[in-house]
Amino acid sequence: MADVLVTGATGFLGAALLPRLQQEGHMVRAYARRPEAVVGDVPVVQGDAVEGTGLDAALDGIDVAYYLIHSMEGASSSKSFDSLELRSVENFAAAAQRAGVRRTVYLGGLLPTDKQASRHLGSRLAVEETLLGGATPEAVAFRASLVVGARSRSFRFLVRLVERAPLLPLPAWADNRTQPIDERDVVALLLAAASSEKVTGPLSLDAAGPDVVTYGEMVEAIRDHLLLGRPAIRLPLTMTPIAAKIAAAIAGEDVGLIEPLMESLETDLLPRDESAPGFFGVRMHSFDSAVEHALGVWERTETLAGR
């Protein structure tokens, strides 16, 4: 068993990972800007990775550190989430090296193979390269598409959009393909990466669900699981800047989050290979199973339209 730090502990994956690590017998510590928002009985170190505060205390005595920090919120006003993310990971990597951390685990995004990555995905890649660049002897970086989970902001955005829009306008990028992954499977991969003896150095793996779907099919599947009649209308143009503002307003989300996400949809996002589940011994859920499970968990605390 290891001494483990979870950064981004107030995010939906960090919050889901904390109790699972404890169940496995690890000694767990959390790092967060708002300690009061961390759920569960776990010691918390307060700090801000962008400013570099609290990192030395948080990483002291740690064997395995999860880096689950993202800085896209507020990008609409600052236009600098990529520089914030780079500063944050550089501060973390330097502190991890000072503390002698053995392994880091990171979750980033799938990358296009046929064009340059969007600013959002390019930033994720820069974070990955920093973490795999030698700050710790061992490092695992997963690349995932949309994570289907009741607390995933990307998934919640799509659900709210389907609920609230009488018609479903699908821009030209709706025909691009990806492989969404169930939150349960992401957590299982992250959990396995903490203790796997197969990890002996820097490792980059794609974490993709088993089903290839277009973004349009993803939206229509959510509509069908919600039992809503929402006709889909295909649009001939990409229209990302305009579509992001309209969609964010309908769903009640921050356009600074939605626009970079939509920019990432303008190409296929498919895995380089699908070896990660076998490498870590994780069985994957289908896309339909992931959506149904996420909506079921959501309904335990909130009402969903149509169901």
Protein backbone atom coordinates (compact mmCIF):
# COMPACT_ATOMS: atom_id res chain seq x y z
CA MET A 1 0.00 0.00 0.00
CA ALA A 2 1.15 3.54 -0.68
CA ASP A 3 0.86 7.09 0.61
CA VAL A 4 -1.23 8.77 -2.07
CA LEU A 5 -2.04 12.40 -2.86
CA VAL A 6 -5.09 13.36 -4.93
CA THR A 7 -4.98 16.86 -6.40
CA GLY A 8 -8.18 18.22 -7.90
CA ALA A 9 -9.94 16.43 -5.07
CA THR A 10 -13.10 18.53 -5.38
CA GLY A 11 -13.60 17.55 -9.03
CA PHE A 12 -15.90 14.71 -9.88
CA LEU A 13 -13.16 12.18 -10.65
CA GLY A 14 -11.01 13.20 -7.69
CA ALA A 15 -14.02 12.91 -5.38
CA ALA A 16 -14.88 9.48 -6.80
CA LEU A 17 -11.30 8.27 -6.51
CA LEU A 18 -10.70 9.20 -2.85
CA PRO A 19 -12.93 6.53 -1.23
CA ARG A 20 -11.80 3.86 -3.68
CA LEU A 21 -8.17 4.45 -2.78
CA GLN A 22 -9.03 4.22 0.90
CA GLN A 23 -10.90 0.96 0.30
CA GLU A 24 -7.75 -0.44 -1.30
CA GLY A 25 -5.84 0.34 1.90
CA HIS A 26 -3.85 3.34 0.70
CA MET A 27 -3.09 6.23 3.04
CA VAL A 28 -4.79 9.09 1.22
CA ARG A 29 -4.32 12.85 1.36
CA ALA A 30 -6.14 15.52 -0.66
CA TYR A 31 -4.96 18.85 -2.07
CA ALA A 32 -7.52 21.55 -2.79
CA ARG A 33 -8.05 25.29 -2.91
CA ARG A 34 -11.24 24.84 -0.87
CA PRO A 35 -10.68 22.13 1.77
CA GLU A 36 -14.28 22.44 2.97
CA ALA A 37 -15.47 21.16 -0.44
CA VAL A 38 -13.57 17.87 -0.15
CA VAL A 39 -16.00 15.06 0.65
CA GLY A 40 -15.08 12.27 3.03
CA ASP A 41 -12.80 11.60 5.98
CA VAL A 42 -9.42 12.44 4.50
CA PRO A 43 -6.71 14.92 5.52
CA VAL A 44 -6.59 17.94 3.22
CA VAL A 45 -3.78 20.37 2.45
CA GLN A 46 -4.98 23.73 1.22
CA GLY A 47 -3.16 25.30 -1.70
CA ASP A 48 -3.24 26.68 -5.22
CA ALA A 49 -1.06 24.93 -7.79
CA VAL A 50 -1.01 27.96 -10.08
CA GLU A 51 0.56 29.97 -7.27
CA GLY A 52 2.58 26.98 -6.05
CA THR A 53 1.23 27.24 -2.51
CA GLY A 54 0.83 24.16 -0.30
CA LEU A 55 2.47 21.75 -2.75
CA ASP A 56 5.54 20.93 -0.64
CA ALA A 57 3.37 20.14 2.39
CA ALA A 58 0.91 18.14 0.30
CA LEU A 59 3.61 16.02 -1.38
CA ASP A 60 5.73 15.41 1.71
CA GLY A 61 6.11 11.63 2.20
CA ILE A 62 3.92 10.80 -0.81
CA ASP A 63 4.64 7.75 -3.00
CA VAL A 64 1.95 8.25 -5.68
CA ALA A 65 0.42 11.59 -6.70
CA TYR A 66 -2.64 12.04 -8.91
CA TYR A 67 -2.63 15.18 -11.01
CA LEU A 68 -6.29 15.95 -11.76
CA ILE A 69 -6.11 19.74 -11.96
CA HIS A 70 -7.62 21.67 -14.89
CA SER A 71 -7.86 25.45 -15.36
CA MET A 72 -10.46 26.02 -18.07
CA GLU A 73 -13.06 27.70 -15.89
CA GLY A 74 -13.06 31.42 -16.50
CA ALA A 75 -11.22 31.11 -19.81
CA SER A 76 -13.78 33.40 -21.43
CA SER A 77 -12.48 36.31 -19.38
CA SER A 78 -8.79 35.47 -19.01
CA LYS A 79 -8.16 33.76 -22.39
CA SER A 80 -5.19 32.08 -20.70
CA PHE A 81 -6.24 28.70 -19.34
CA ASP A 82 -3.39 27.04 -21.25
CA SER A 83 -0.76 29.26 -19.60
CA LEU A 84 -2.40 28.69 -16.20
CA GLU A 85 -2.33 24.93 -16.74
CA LEU A 86 1.32 24.99 -17.73
CA ARG A 87 2.30 27.09 -14.72
CA SER A 88 0.30 24.80 -12.45
CA VAL A 89 1.88 21.56 -13.69
CA GLU A 90 5.39 23.02 -13.67
CA ASN A 91 4.94 24.00 -10.02
CA PHE A 92 3.58 20.53 -9.23
CA ALA A 93 6.36 18.71 -11.10
CA ALA A 94 9.08 20.70 -9.35
CA ALA A 95 7.53 20.03 -5.93
CA ALA A 96 7.09 16.32 -6.72
CA GLN A 97 10.76 16.09 -7.66
CA ARG A 98 11.82 17.85 -4.45
CA ALA A 99 9.65 15.48 -2.41
CA GLY A 100 10.98 12.34 -4.13
CA VAL A 101 7.54 11.18 -5.31
CA ARG A 102 7.85 7.82 -7.04
CA ARG A 103 4.84 7.90 -9.40
CA THR A 104 2.42 10.41 -10.89
CA VAL A 105 -0.92 9.59 -12.54
CA TYR A 106 -2.67 12.01 -14.90
CA LEU A 107 -5.85 12.13 -16.97
CA GLY A 108 -5.75 14.22 -20.14
CA GLY A 109 -7.58 14.13 -23.47
CA LEU A 110 -7.51 12.11 -26.68
CA LEU A 111 -5.67 13.84 -29.53
CA PRO A 112 -6.57 14.13 -33.23
CA THR A 113 -4.39 12.25 -35.69
CA ASP A 114 -5.28 14.26 -38.79
CA LYS A 115 -4.87 17.88 -37.69
CA GLN A 116 -3.35 20.11 -35.04
CA ALA A 117 -4.86 19.75 -31.59
CA SER A 118 -7.23 22.44 -30.35
CA ARG A 119 -5.97 24.82 -27.66
CA HIS A 120 -7.82 22.76 -25.05
CA LEU A 121 -6.27 19.44 -26.12
CA GLY A 122 -2.90 21.03 -26.86
CA SER A 123 -2.84 22.27 -23.27
CA ARG A 124 -3.64 18.77 -21.99
CA LEU A 125 -0.74 17.41 -24.06
CA ALA A 126 1.65 20.01 -22.64
CA VAL A 127 0.66 18.93 -19.13
CA GLU A 128 1.23 15.27 -20.03
CA GLU A 129 4.65 15.99 -21.50
CA THR A 130 5.67 17.88 -18.37
CA LEU A 131 4.62 15.04 -16.08
CA LEU A 132 6.26 12.37 -18.24
CA GLY A 133 9.41 14.44 -18.62
CA GLY A 134 11.22 13.11 -15.57
CA ALA A 135 9.73 14.79 -12.51
CA THR A 136 9.12 11.31 -11.05
CA PRO A 137 10.73 7.97 -11.96
CA GLU A 138 7.34 6.50 -12.92
CA ALA A 139 4.42 8.29 -14.55
CA VAL A 140 1.15 7.24 -16.16
CA ALA A 141 -0.79 9.58 -18.43
CA PHE A 142 -4.21 8.51 -19.66
CA ARG A 143 -5.92 10.24 -22.59
CA ALA A 144 -9.71 10.08 -22.55
CA SER A 145 -12.61 11.44 -24.55
CA LEU A 146 -15.83 12.58 -22.89
CA VAL A 147 -16.29 10.91 -19.50
CA VAL A 148 -19.89 9.78 -18.98
CA GLY A 149 -20.77 10.41 -15.35
CA ALA A 150 -23.45 12.10 -13.29
CA ARG A 151 -21.01 14.80 -12.12
CA SER A 152 -19.01 15.16 -15.34
CA ARG A 153 -19.45 18.77 -16.49
CA SER A 154 -19.15 17.81 -20.16
CA PHE A 155 -21.81 15.12 -19.83
CA ARG A 156 -24.06 17.33 -17.70
CA PHE A 157 -23.78 20.05 -20.33
CA LEU A 158 -25.06 17.68 -23.02
CA VAL A 159 -27.90 16.45 -20.81
CA ARG A 160 -29.03 19.98 -19.92
CA LEU A 161 -28.85 20.98 -23.58
CA VAL A 162 -31.05 18.05 -24.62
CA GLU A 163 -33.49 18.74 -21.78
CA ARG A 164 -33.91 22.44 -22.49
CA ALA A 165 -33.67 22.81 -26.28
CA PRO A 166 -36.92 22.02 -28.17
CA LEU A 167 -34.79 21.20 -31.24
CA LEU A 168 -31.30 19.72 -31.34
CA PRO A 169 -29.17 21.71 -33.80
CA LEU A 170 -26.16 19.60 -34.80
CA PRO A 171 -23.26 21.51 -36.42
CA ALA A 172 -21.09 19.94 -39.11
CA TRP A 173 -18.76 18.43 -36.51
CA ALA A 174 -21.62 16.22 -35.29
CA ASP A 175 -20.45 13.55 -37.76
CA ASN A 176 -16.99 13.31 -36.20
CA ARG A 177 -16.29 10.22 -34.13
CA THR A 178 -15.00 9.48 -30.67
CA GLN A 179 -15.14 6.80 -27.94
CA PRO A 180 -16.70 8.10 -24.71
CA ILE A 181 -15.77 6.29 -21.51
CA ASP A 182 -17.80 5.36 -18.45
CA GLU A 183 -16.81 7.18 -15.26
CA ARG A 184 -16.62 3.79 -13.49
CA ASP A 185 -14.01 2.62 -16.00
CA VAL A 186 -11.91 5.78 -15.73
CA VAL A 187 -11.86 5.44 -11.94
CA ALA A 188 -10.91 1.76 -12.25
CA LEU A 189 -8.00 2.62 -14.57
CA LEU A 190 -6.80 5.44 -12.34
CA LEU A 191 -7.06 3.21 -9.29
CA ALA A 192 -5.09 0.38 -10.92
CA ALA A 193 -2.38 2.80 -12.02
CA ALA A 194 -1.50 3.59 -8.41
CA SER A 195 -0.13 0.15 -7.62
CA SER A 196 0.46 -1.72 -10.89
CA GLU A 197 3.89 -3.32 -11.02
CA LYS A 198 3.77 -3.07 -14.81
CA VAL A 199 4.51 0.64 -14.59
CA THR A 200 8.30 0.98 -14.57
CA GLY A 201 8.76 4.39 -16.22
CA PRO A 202 6.87 7.03 -18.22
CA LEU A 203 3.75 5.58 -19.86
CA SER A 204 1.11 7.21 -22.07
CA LEU A 205 -2.08 5.24 -22.76
CA ASP A 206 -5.42 6.07 -24.33
CA ALA A 207 -8.47 5.41 -22.15
CA ALA A 208 -11.37 4.88 -24.52
CA GLY A 209 -14.72 3.17 -24.20
CA PRO A 210 -15.50 0.19 -26.44
CA ASP A 211 -18.02 1.97 -28.70
CA VAL A 212 -17.24 4.34 -31.57
CA VAL A 213 -19.98 6.98 -31.85
CA THR A 214 -20.38 10.30 -33.61
CA TYR A 215 -21.08 13.38 -31.54
CA GLY A 216 -24.50 13.51 -33.14
CA GLU A 217 -25.21 9.91 -32.13
CA MET A 218 -24.05 10.74 -28.60
CA VAL A 219 -26.57 13.58 -28.30
CA GLU A 220 -29.37 11.50 -29.82
CA ALA A 221 -28.60 8.60 -27.44
CA ILE A 222 -28.89 10.92 -24.44
CA ARG A 223 -32.20 12.18 -25.84
CA ASP A 224 -33.48 8.62 -26.20
CA HIS A 225 -32.38 7.62 -22.69
CA LEU A 226 -34.20 10.69 -21.37
CA LEU A 227 -37.32 9.53 -23.29
CA LEU A 228 -37.67 12.94 -24.91
CA GLY A 229 -38.89 13.82 -28.37
CA ARG A 230 -36.29 16.29 -29.61
CA PRO A 231 -35.93 16.44 -33.41
CA ALA A 232 -32.33 16.83 -34.55
CA ILE A 233 -31.54 19.42 -37.21
CA ARG A 234 -28.31 19.12 -39.17
CA LEU A 235 -26.50 22.40 -39.86
CA PRO A 236 -24.13 22.76 -42.83
CA LEU A 237 -21.50 24.81 -40.95
CA THR A 238 -19.30 24.30 -37.89
CA MET A 239 -20.35 27.62 -36.31
CA THR A 240 -18.41 26.90 -33.10
CA PRO A 241 -18.07 30.46 -31.71
CA ILE A 242 -21.78 31.19 -32.19
CA ALA A 243 -22.98 27.70 -31.28
CA ALA A 244 -20.90 27.68 -28.08
CA LYS A 245 -22.47 30.91 -26.82
CA ILE A 246 -26.01 29.75 -27.58
CA ALA A 247 -25.48 26.24 -26.16
CA ALA A 248 -23.82 27.56 -23.00
CA ALA A 249 -26.73 29.95 -22.41
CA ILE A 250 -29.30 27.18 -22.88
CA ALA A 251 -27.47 24.75 -20.61
CA GLY A 252 -26.55 27.35 -18.00
CA GLU A 253 -22.82 26.74 -18.42
CA ASP A 254 -19.73 28.94 -18.67
CA VAL A 255 -18.99 29.74 -22.33
CA GLY A 256 -15.32 29.83 -21.32
CA LEU A 257 -15.59 26.09 -20.71
CA ILE A 258 -17.91 25.22 -23.60
CA GLU A 259 -16.15 27.01 -26.47
CA PRO A 260 -12.77 25.26 -26.00
CA LEU A 261 -14.59 21.94 -25.65
CA MET A 262 -16.51 22.52 -28.88
CA GLU A 263 -13.30 23.48 -30.69
CA SER A 264 -12.01 20.02 -29.76
CA LEU A 265 -14.98 18.37 -31.48
CA GLU A 266 -13.99 19.59 -34.95
CA THR A 267 -12.13 16.37 -35.73
CA ASP A 268 -12.27 12.66 -34.91
CA LEU A 269 -10.89 11.88 -31.45
CA LEU A 270 -10.07 8.18 -31.49
CA PRO A 271 -7.54 6.19 -29.46
CA ARG A 272 -4.10 5.28 -30.75
CA ASP A 273 -4.79 1.77 -29.48
CA GLU A 274 -7.06 0.09 -26.95
CA SER A 275 -4.51 -1.69 -24.78
CA ALA A 276 -5.14 0.19 -21.51
CA PRO A 277 -8.02 -2.00 -20.22
CA GLY A 278 -6.04 -5.20 -20.79
CA PHE A 279 -2.85 -3.67 -19.40
CA PHE A 280 -4.56 -2.80 -16.12
CA GLY A 281 -7.17 -5.61 -16.05
CA VAL A 282 -10.27 -3.40 -16.36
CA ARG A 283 -13.49 -4.53 -18.08
CA MET A 284 -15.19 -1.70 -19.94
CA HIS A 285 -18.87 -0.72 -20.00
CA SER A 286 -20.72 0.02 -23.23
CA PHE A 287 -21.73 3.58 -24.08
CA ASP A 288 -25.43 2.81 -23.55
CA SER A 289 -24.69 1.26 -20.17
CA ALA A 290 -22.59 4.30 -19.22
CA VAL A 291 -25.37 6.77 -20.12
CA GLU A 292 -28.07 4.78 -18.33
CA HIS A 293 -25.95 4.43 -15.20
CA ALA A 294 -24.99 8.11 -15.14
CA LEU A 295 -28.60 9.25 -15.54
CA GLY A 296 -29.69 6.81 -12.84
CA VAL A 297 -27.13 8.21 -10.37
CA TRP A 298 -28.16 11.74 -11.34
CA GLU A 299 -31.83 10.99 -10.63
CA ARG A 300 -31.07 10.02 -7.05
CA THR A 301 -30.50 13.67 -6.19
CA GLU A 302 -32.00 15.72 -9.04
CA THR A 303 -35.04 15.55 -11.29
CA LEU A 304 -34.43 14.93 -14.97
CA ALA A 305 -36.88 16.00 -17.67
CA GLY A 306 -38.63 13.21 -19.54
CA ARG A 307 -37.84 10.31 -17.20
